Amino acid sequence: MINERELFKDLKQTNITKVRVGNGDYISVRGKGTVAMASYSGTKFILDVLFVLEIQQNLLCVGQLIERRFKVIFEDNFCSIRDAAD
């Protein structure tokens, strides 16, 4: 979930109207699209990211990243996101 419109490469309407967050509340979804992220090996695209204005921090779903063949590594108080081929 991303709260900044300018981070989206493209943004479209979605049938998803609300999403449930950690405290059990539901917040409105404004759209769904592709976010471009700069990396050491070039720009990476994360698909199907929800545009949600009501969150204070941008959130990435580890499960969604893994499904899309990224490698997510938590180590020494850091999180690295890499291509699975790396």
PDB file of N, CA and C in Angstrom:
ATOM      1  N   MET A   1       0.850  -1.174   0.000  1.00  0.00           N
ATOM      2  CA  MET A   1       0.000   0.000   0.000  1.00  0.00           C
ATOM      3  C   MET A   1       0.892   1.232   0.000  1.00  0.00           C
ATOM      4  N   ILE A   2       0.557   2.144  -0.854  1.00  0.00           N
ATOM      5  CA  ILE A   2       1.326   3.377  -1.010  1.00  0.00           C
ATOM      6  C   ILE A   2       0.369   4.556  -0.862  1.00  0.00           C
ATOM      7  N   ASN A   3       0.833   5.617  -0.201  1.00  0.00           N
ATOM      8  CA  ASN A   3      -0.027   6.789  -0.015  1.00  0.00           C
ATOM      9  C   ASN A   3       0.394   7.985  -0.859  1.00  0.00           C
ATOM     10  N   GLU A   4       1.359   7.813  -1.743  1.00  0.00           N
ATOM     11  CA  GLU A   4       1.854   8.916  -2.563  1.00  0.00           C
ATOM     12  C   GLU A   4       1.591   8.644  -4.044  1.00  0.00           C
ATOM     13  N   ARG A   5       0.732   9.419  -4.645  1.00  0.00           N
ATOM     14  CA  ARG A   5       0.325   9.232  -6.044  1.00  0.00           C
ATOM     15  C   ARG A   5       1.519   9.268  -6.990  1.00  0.00           C
ATOM     16  N   GLU A   6       2.488  10.137  -6.702  1.00  0.00           N
ATOM     17  CA  GLU A   6       3.609  10.320  -7.621  1.00  0.00           C
ATOM     18  C   GLU A   6       4.547   9.115  -7.687  1.00  0.00           C
ATOM     19  N   LEU A   7       4.423   8.158  -6.787  1.00  0.00           N
ATOM     20  CA  LEU A   7       5.257   6.953  -6.833  1.00  0.00           C
ATOM     21  C   LEU A   7       4.750   5.928  -7.853  1.00  0.00           C
ATOM     22  N   PHE A   8       3.535   6.115  -8.350  1.00  0.00           N
ATOM     23  CA  PHE A   8       2.960   5.165  -9.298  1.00  0.00           C
ATOM     24  C   PHE A   8       3.382   5.485 -10.721  1.00  0.00           C
ATOM     25  N   LYS A   9       3.817   4.444 -11.430  1.00  0.00           N
ATOM     26  CA  LYS A   9       4.091   4.563 -12.869  1.00  0.00           C
ATOM     27  C   LYS A   9       2.775   4.625 -13.621  1.00  0.00           C
ATOM     28  N   ASP A  10       1.821   3.816 -13.189  1.00  0.00           N
ATOM     29  CA  ASP A  10       0.459   3.866 -13.712  1.00  0.00           C
ATOM     30  C   ASP A  10      -0.489   3.566 -12.567  1.00  0.00           C
ATOM     31  N   LEU A  11      -1.696   4.069 -12.672  1.00  0.00           N
ATOM     32  CA  LEU A  11      -2.692   3.884 -11.623  1.00  0.00           C
ATOM     33  C   LEU A  11      -4.060   3.770 -12.279  1.00  0.00           C
ATOM     34  N   LYS A  12      -4.798   2.727 -11.897  1.00  0.00           N
ATOM     35  CA  LYS A  12      -6.118   2.483 -12.468  1.00  0.00           C
ATOM     36  C   LYS A  12      -7.132   2.277 -11.353  1.00  0.00           C
ATOM     37  N   GLN A  13      -8.392   2.367 -11.711  1.00  0.00           N
ATOM     38  CA  GLN A  13      -9.443   2.057 -10.756  1.00  0.00           C
ATOM     39  C   GLN A  13      -9.414   0.558 -10.458  1.00  0.00           C
ATOM     40  N   THR A  14      -9.950   0.191  -9.305  1.00  0.00           N
ATOM     41  CA  THR A  14      -9.987  -1.215  -8.915  1.00  0.00           C
ATOM     42  C   THR A  14     -11.340  -1.535  -8.292  1.00  0.00           C
ATOM     43  N   ASN A  15     -11.707  -2.798  -8.327  1.00  0.00           N
ATOM     44  CA  ASN A  15     -12.942  -3.235  -7.675  1.00  0.00           C
ATOM     45  C   ASN A  15     -12.784  -3.288  -6.162  1.00  0.00           C
ATOM     46  N   ILE A  16     -11.542  -3.267  -5.695  1.00  0.00           N
ATOM     47  CA  ILE A  16     -11.287  -3.263  -4.249  1.00  0.00           C
ATOM     48  C   ILE A  16     -11.606  -1.863  -3.739  1.00  0.00           C
ATOM     49  N   THR A  17     -12.538  -1.751  -2.819  1.00  0.00           N
ATOM     50  CA  THR A  17     -12.924  -0.432  -2.322  1.00  0.00           C
ATOM     51  C   THR A  17     -12.379  -0.141  -0.934  1.00  0.00           C
ATOM     52  N   LYS A  18     -12.130  -1.196  -0.162  1.00  0.00           N
ATOM     53  CA  LYS A  18     -11.594  -1.031   1.190  1.00  0.00           C
ATOM     54  C   LYS A  18     -10.615  -2.154   1.483  1.00  0.00           C
ATOM     55  N   VAL A  19      -9.686  -1.870   2.385  1.00  0.00           N
ATOM     56  CA  VAL A  19      -8.723  -2.872   2.823  1.00  0.00           C
ATOM     57  C   VAL A  19      -8.654  -2.820   4.346  1.00  0.00           C
ATOM     58  N   ARG A  20      -8.512  -3.991   4.943  1.00  0.00           N
ATOM     59  CA  ARG A  20      -8.445  -4.077   6.397  1.00  0.00           C
ATOM     60  C   ARG A  20      -6.994  -3.946   6.851  1.00  0.00           C
ATOM     61  N   VAL A  21      -6.762  -3.107   7.846  1.00  0.00           N
ATOM     62  CA  VAL A  21      -5.410  -2.886   8.358  1.00  0.00           C
ATOM     63  C   VAL A  21      -5.238  -3.562   9.711  1.00  0.00           C
ATOM     64  N   GLY A  22      -4.022  -3.502  10.245  1.00  0.00           N
ATOM     65  CA  GLY A  22      -3.642  -4.252  11.428  1.00  0.00           C
ATOM     66  C   GLY A  22      -4.517  -4.072  12.650  1.00  0.00           C
ATOM     67  N   ASN A  23      -5.092  -2.893  12.851  1.00  0.00           N
ATOM     68  CA  ASN A  23      -5.930  -2.672  14.033  1.00  0.00           C
ATOM     69  C   ASN A  23      -7.380  -3.090  13.818  1.00  0.00           C
ATOM     70  N   GLY A  24      -7.685  -3.678  12.654  1.00  0.00           N
ATOM     71  CA  GLY A  24      -9.033  -4.150  12.359  1.00  0.00           C
ATOM     72  C   GLY A  24      -9.896  -3.155  11.615  1.00  0.00           C
ATOM     73  N   ASP A  25      -9.449  -1.910  11.509  1.00  0.00           N
ATOM     74  CA  ASP A  25     -10.207  -0.900  10.771  1.00  0.00           C
ATOM     75  C   ASP A  25     -10.115  -1.143   9.266  1.00  0.00           C
ATOM     76  N   TYR A  26     -11.062  -0.580   8.536  1.00  0.00           N
ATOM     77  CA  TYR A  26     -11.049  -0.619   7.079  1.00  0.00           C
ATOM     78  C   TYR A  26     -10.771   0.785   6.564  1.00  0.00           C
ATOM     79  N   ILE A  27      -9.908   0.876   5.547  1.00  0.00           N
ATOM     80  CA  ILE A  27      -9.616   2.163   4.940  1.00  0.00           C
ATOM     81  C   ILE A  27      -9.877   2.075   3.442  1.00  0.00           C
ATOM     82  N   SER A  28     -10.171   3.223   2.847  1.00  0.00           N
ATOM     83  CA  SER A  28     -10.565   3.283   1.436  1.00  0.00           C
ATOM     84  C   SER A  28      -9.380   3.113   0.499  1.00  0.00           C
ATOM     85  N   VAL A  29      -9.616   2.370  -0.570  1.00  0.00           N
ATOM     86  CA  VAL A  29      -8.634   2.182  -1.635  1.00  0.00           C
ATOM     87  C   VAL A  29      -9.014   3.103  -2.784  1.00  0.00           C
ATOM     88  N   ARG A  30      -8.063   3.879  -3.271  1.00  0.00           N
ATOM     89  CA  ARG A  30      -8.308   4.848  -4.352  1.00  0.00           C
ATOM     90  C   ARG A  30      -7.961   4.306  -5.729  1.00  0.00           C
ATOM     91  N   GLY A  31      -7.173   3.224  -5.773  1.00  0.00           N
ATOM     92  CA  GLY A  31      -6.787   2.652  -7.054  1.00  0.00           C
ATOM     93  C   GLY A  31      -5.737   1.581  -6.861  1.00  0.00           C
ATOM     94  N   LYS A  32      -5.273   1.036  -7.991  1.00  0.00           N
ATOM     95  CA  LYS A  32      -4.253  -0.010  -7.978  1.00  0.00           C
ATOM     96  C   LYS A  32      -3.367   0.195  -9.190  1.00  0.00           C
ATOM     97  N   GLY A  33      -2.048   0.010  -9.002  1.00  0.00           N
ATOM     98  CA  GLY A  33      -1.162   0.229 -10.136  1.00  0.00           C
ATOM     99  C   GLY A  33       0.224  -0.328  -9.933  1.00  0.00           C
ATOM    100  N   THR A  34       1.152   0.191 -10.718  1.00  0.00           N
ATOM    101  CA  THR A  34       2.535  -0.255 -10.732  1.00  0.00           C
ATOM    102  C   THR A  34       3.422   0.824 -10.132  1.00  0.00           C
ATOM    103  N   VAL A  35       4.310   0.397  -9.233  1.00  0.00           N
ATOM    104  CA  VAL A  35       5.266   1.300  -8.612  1.00  0.00           C
ATOM    105  C   VAL A  35       6.654   0.959  -9.123  1.00  0.00           C
ATOM    106  N   ALA A  36       7.402   1.977  -9.530  1.00  0.00           N
ATOM    107  CA  ALA A  36       8.776   1.785  -9.983  1.00  0.00           C
ATOM    108  C   ALA A  36       9.710   2.064  -8.815  1.00  0.00           C
ATOM    109  N   MET A  37      10.657   1.145  -8.582  1.00  0.00           N
ATOM    110  CA  MET A  37      11.636   1.310  -7.508  1.00  0.00           C
ATOM    111  C   MET A  37      13.032   1.242  -8.096  1.00  0.00           C
ATOM    112  N   ALA A  38      13.858   2.205  -7.736  1.00  0.00           N
ATOM    113  CA  ALA A  38      15.246   2.197  -8.195  1.00  0.00           C
ATOM    114  C   ALA A  38      16.021   1.143  -7.413  1.00  0.00           C
ATOM    115  N   SER A  39      16.914   0.432  -8.097  1.00  0.00           N
ATOM    116  CA  SER A  39      17.769  -0.561  -7.445  1.00  0.00           C
ATOM    117  C   SER A  39      19.164  -0.461  -8.042  1.00  0.00           C
ATOM    118  N   TYR A  40      20.109  -1.162  -7.426  1.00  0.00           N
ATOM    119  CA  TYR A  40      21.479  -1.148  -7.933  1.00  0.00           C
ATOM    120  C   TYR A  40      21.572  -1.691  -9.356  1.00  0.00           C
ATOM    121  N   SER A  41      20.684  -2.617  -9.696  1.00  0.00           N
ATOM    122  CA  SER A  41      20.744  -3.228 -11.030  1.00  0.00           C
ATOM    123  C   SER A  41      19.716  -2.644 -11.991  1.00  0.00           C
ATOM    124  N   GLY A  42      19.137  -1.501 -11.649  1.00  0.00           N
ATOM    125  CA  GLY A  42      18.173  -0.855 -12.532  1.00  0.00           C
ATOM    126  C   GLY A  42      16.807  -0.730 -11.879  1.00  0.00           C
ATOM    127  N   THR A  43      15.875  -0.176 -12.595  1.00  0.00           N
ATOM    128  CA  THR A  43      14.523   0.038 -12.086  1.00  0.00           C
ATOM    129  C   THR A  43      13.756  -1.269 -12.023  1.00  0.00           C
ATOM    130  N   LYS A  44      13.087  -1.501 -10.905  1.00  0.00           N
ATOM    131  CA  LYS A  44      12.243  -2.685 -10.710  1.00  0.00           C
ATOM    132  C   LYS A  44      10.801  -2.224 -10.597  1.00  0.00           C
ATOM    133  N   PHE A  45       9.886  -3.039 -11.073  1.00  0.00           N
ATOM    134  CA  PHE A  45       8.466  -2.693 -11.049  1.00  0.00           C
ATOM    135  C   PHE A  45       7.707  -3.658 -10.154  1.00  0.00           C
ATOM    136  N   ILE A  46       6.931  -3.101  -9.243  1.00  0.00           N
ATOM    137  CA  ILE A  46       6.077  -3.905  -8.378  1.00  0.00           C
ATOM    138  C   ILE A  46       4.644  -3.667  -8.827  1.00  0.00           C
ATOM    139  N   LEU A  47       3.963  -4.738  -9.219  1.00  0.00           N
ATOM    140  CA  LEU A  47       2.623  -4.660  -9.787  1.00  0.00           C
ATOM    141  C   LEU A  47       1.552  -4.779  -8.712  1.00  0.00           C
ATOM    142  N   ASP A  48       0.363  -4.308  -9.031  1.00  0.00           N
ATOM    143  CA  ASP A  48      -0.827  -4.477  -8.194  1.00  0.00           C
ATOM    144  C   ASP A  48      -0.682  -3.866  -6.805  1.00  0.00           C
ATOM    145  N   VAL A  49      -0.051  -2.720  -6.728  1.00  0.00           N
ATOM    146  CA  VAL A  49       0.103  -2.001  -5.460  1.00  0.00           C
ATOM    147  C   VAL A  49      -1.133  -1.136  -5.257  1.00  0.00           C
ATOM    148  N   LEU A  50      -1.680  -1.159  -4.044  1.00  0.00           N
ATOM    149  CA  LEU A  50      -2.877  -0.379  -3.745  1.00  0.00           C
ATOM    150  C   LEU A  50      -2.510   1.056  -3.389  1.00  0.00           C
ATOM    151  N   PHE A  51      -3.308   2.010  -3.875  1.00  0.00           N
ATOM    152  CA  PHE A  51      -3.167   3.420  -3.559  1.00  0.00           C
ATOM    153  C   PHE A  51      -4.150   3.741  -2.440  1.00  0.00           C
ATOM    154  N   VAL A  52      -3.613   4.043  -1.255  1.00  0.00           N
ATOM    155  CA  VAL A  52      -4.425   4.260  -0.057  1.00  0.00           C
ATOM    156  C   VAL A  52      -3.946   5.545   0.604  1.00  0.00           C
ATOM    157  N   LEU A  53      -4.794   6.560   0.651  1.00  0.00           N
ATOM    158  CA  LEU A  53      -4.403   7.851   1.203  1.00  0.00           C
ATOM    159  C   LEU A  53      -4.296   7.865   2.721  1.00  0.00           C
ATOM    160  N   GLU A  54      -5.050   7.008   3.400  1.00  0.00           N
ATOM    161  CA  GLU A  54      -5.185   7.108   4.851  1.00  0.00           C
ATOM    162  C   GLU A  54      -4.051   6.481   5.651  1.00  0.00           C
ATOM    163  N   ILE A  55      -3.050   5.908   5.005  1.00  0.00           N
ATOM    164  CA  ILE A  55      -1.934   5.343   5.764  1.00  0.00           C
ATOM    165  C   ILE A  55      -0.840   6.403   5.904  1.00  0.00           C
ATOM    166  N   GLN A  56      -0.093   6.319   6.989  1.00  0.00           N
ATOM    167  CA  GLN A  56       0.964   7.303   7.238  1.00  0.00           C
ATOM    168  C   GLN A  56       2.308   6.866   6.672  1.00  0.00           C
ATOM    169  N   GLN A  57       2.492   5.565   6.473  1.00  0.00           N
ATOM    170  CA  GLN A  57       3.735   5.024   5.936  1.00  0.00           C
ATOM    171  C   GLN A  57       3.407   4.120   4.757  1.00  0.00           C
ATOM    172  N   ASN A  58       4.267   4.119   3.763  1.00  0.00           N
ATOM    173  CA  ASN A  58       4.109   3.188   2.655  1.00  0.00           C
ATOM    174  C   ASN A  58       4.470   1.790   3.128  1.00  0.00           C
ATOM    175  N   LEU A  59       3.672   0.795   2.720  1.00  0.00           N
ATOM    176  CA  LEU A  59       3.858  -0.580   3.172  1.00  0.00           C
ATOM    177  C   LEU A  59       4.046  -1.514   1.985  1.00  0.00           C
ATOM    178  N   LEU A  60       5.009  -2.395   2.081  1.00  0.00           N
ATOM    179  CA  LEU A  60       5.192  -3.443   1.084  1.00  0.00           C
ATOM    180  C   LEU A  60       4.851  -4.772   1.727  1.00  0.00           C
ATOM    181  N   CYS A  61       4.182  -5.613   0.996  1.00  0.00           N
ATOM    182  CA  CYS A  61       3.810  -6.935   1.488  1.00  0.00           C
ATOM    183  C   CYS A  61       4.904  -7.927   1.103  1.00  0.00           C
ATOM    184  N   VAL A  62       5.555  -8.501   2.102  1.00  0.00           N
ATOM    185  CA  VAL A  62       6.635  -9.448   1.851  1.00  0.00           C
ATOM    186  C   VAL A  62       6.136 -10.620   1.009  1.00  0.00           C
ATOM    187  N   GLY A  63       4.964 -11.138   1.338  1.00  0.00           N
ATOM    188  CA  GLY A  63       4.402 -12.253   0.577  1.00  0.00           C
ATOM    189  C   GLY A  63       4.204 -11.912  -0.890  1.00  0.00           C
ATOM    190  N   GLN A  64       3.732 -10.703  -1.166  1.00  0.00           N
ATOM    191  CA  GLN A  64       3.519 -10.275  -2.549  1.00  0.00           C
ATOM    192  C   GLN A  64       4.858 -10.150  -3.283  1.00  0.00           C
ATOM    193  N   LEU A  65       5.878  -9.640  -2.614  1.00  0.00           N
ATOM    194  CA  LEU A  65       7.196  -9.540  -3.237  1.00  0.00           C
ATOM    195  C   LEU A  65       7.750 -10.917  -3.580  1.00  0.00           C
ATOM    196  N   ILE A  66       7.607 -11.859  -2.669  1.00  0.00           N
ATOM    197  CA  ILE A  66       8.103 -13.224  -2.900  1.00  0.00           C
ATOM    198  C   ILE A  66       7.342 -13.894  -4.049  1.00  0.00           C
ATOM    199  N   GLU A  67       6.032 -13.687  -4.088  1.00  0.00           N
ATOM    200  CA  GLU A  67       5.239 -14.241  -5.200  1.00  0.00           C
ATOM    201  C   GLU A  67       5.722 -13.712  -6.541  1.00  0.00           C
ATOM    202  N   ARG A  68       6.231 -12.507  -6.562  1.00  0.00           N
ATOM    203  CA  ARG A  68       6.690 -11.881  -7.803  1.00  0.00           C
ATOM    204  C   ARG A  68       8.191 -12.093  -8.029  1.00  0.00           C
ATOM    205  N   ARG A  69       8.728 -13.098  -7.353  1.00  0.00           N
ATOM    206  CA  ARG A  69      10.099 -13.566  -7.562  1.00  0.00           C
ATOM    207  C   ARG A  69      11.174 -12.591  -7.072  1.00  0.00           C
ATOM    208  N   PHE A  70      10.870 -11.820  -6.042  1.00  0.00           N
ATOM    209  CA  PHE A  70      11.899 -11.050  -5.362  1.00  0.00           C
ATOM    210  C   PHE A  70      12.408 -11.874  -4.189  1.00  0.00           C
ATOM    211  N   LYS A  71      13.621 -11.613  -3.763  1.00  0.00           N
ATOM    212  CA  LYS A  71      14.198 -12.238  -2.589  1.00  0.00           C
ATOM    213  C   LYS A  71      14.184 -11.181  -1.487  1.00  0.00           C
ATOM    214  N   VAL A  72      13.592 -11.501  -0.332  1.00  0.00           N
ATOM    215  CA  VAL A  72      13.500 -10.563   0.782  1.00  0.00           C
ATOM    216  C   VAL A  72      14.330 -11.124   1.927  1.00  0.00           C
ATOM    217  N   ILE A  73      15.328 -10.352   2.352  1.00  0.00           N
ATOM    218  CA  ILE A  73      16.262 -10.819   3.367  1.00  0.00           C
ATOM    219  C   ILE A  73      16.267  -9.833   4.538  1.00  0.00           C
ATOM    220  N   PHE A  74      15.974 -10.347   5.742  1.00  0.00           N
ATOM    221  CA  PHE A  74      16.037  -9.557   6.963  1.00  0.00           C
ATOM    222  C   PHE A  74      17.313  -9.947   7.693  1.00  0.00           C
ATOM    223  N   GLU A  75      18.184  -8.948   7.923  1.00  0.00           N
ATOM    224  CA  GLU A  75      19.471  -9.253   8.531  1.00  0.00           C
ATOM    225  C   GLU A  75      20.059  -7.995   9.166  1.00  0.00           C
ATOM    226  N   ASP A  76      20.540  -8.121  10.390  1.00  0.00           N
ATOM    227  CA  ASP A  76      21.215  -7.013  11.079  1.00  0.00           C
ATOM    228  C   ASP A  76      20.413  -5.711  11.049  1.00  0.00           C
ATOM    229  N   ASN A  77      19.147  -5.774  11.412  1.00  0.00           N
ATOM    230  CA  ASN A  77      18.262  -4.601  11.477  1.00  0.00           C
ATOM    231  C   ASN A  77      18.006  -3.936  10.125  1.00  0.00           C
ATOM    232  N   PHE A  78      18.233  -4.645   9.026  1.00  0.00           N
ATOM    233  CA  PHE A  78      17.976  -4.130   7.684  1.00  0.00           C
ATOM    234  C   PHE A  78      17.135  -5.136   6.905  1.00  0.00           C
ATOM    235  N   CYS A  79      16.486  -4.646   5.890  1.00  0.00           N
ATOM    236  CA  CYS A  79      15.750  -5.506   4.970  1.00  0.00           C
ATOM    237  C   CYS A  79      16.241  -5.219   3.562  1.00  0.00           C
ATOM    238  N   SER A  80      16.673  -6.257   2.866  1.00  0.00           N
ATOM    239  CA  SER A  80      17.125  -6.126   1.473  1.00  0.00           C
ATOM    240  C   SER A  80      16.098  -6.801   0.576  1.00  0.00           C
ATOM    241  N   ILE A  81      15.813  -6.161  -0.543  1.00  0.00           N
ATOM    242  CA  ILE A  81      14.916  -6.735  -1.547  1.00  0.00           C
ATOM    243  C   ILE A  81      15.745  -6.882  -2.818  1.00  0.00           C
ATOM    244  N   ARG A  82      15.833  -8.121  -3.303  1.00  0.00           N
ATOM    245  CA  ARG A  82      16.673  -8.419  -4.471  1.00  0.00           C
ATOM    246  C   ARG A  82      15.898  -9.235  -5.480  1.00  0.00           C
ATOM    247  N   ASP A  83      16.410  -9.248  -6.703  1.00  0.00           N
ATOM    248  CA  ASP A  83      15.887 -10.173  -7.704  1.00  0.00           C
ATOM    249  C   ASP A  83      16.217 -11.583  -7.250  1.00  0.00           C
ATOM    250  N   ALA A  84      15.347 -12.530  -7.512  1.00  0.00           N
ATOM    251  CA  ALA A  84      15.610 -13.918  -7.127  1.00  0.00           C
ATOM    252  C   ALA A  84      16.857 -14.457  -7.817  1.00  0.00           C
ATOM    253  N   ALA A  85      17.194 -13.926  -8.971  1.00  0.00           N
ATOM    254  CA  ALA A  85      18.368 -14.400  -9.730  1.00  0.00           C
ATOM    255  C   ALA A  85      19.668 -13.939  -9.111  1.00  0.00           C
ATOM    256  N   ASP A  86      19.640 -12.927  -8.229  1.00  0.00           N
ATOM    257  CA  ASP A  86      20.876 -12.396  -7.614  1.00  0.00           C
ATOM    258  C   ASP A  86      21.436 -13.350  -6.582  1.00  0.00           C
TER     259      ASP A  86
END
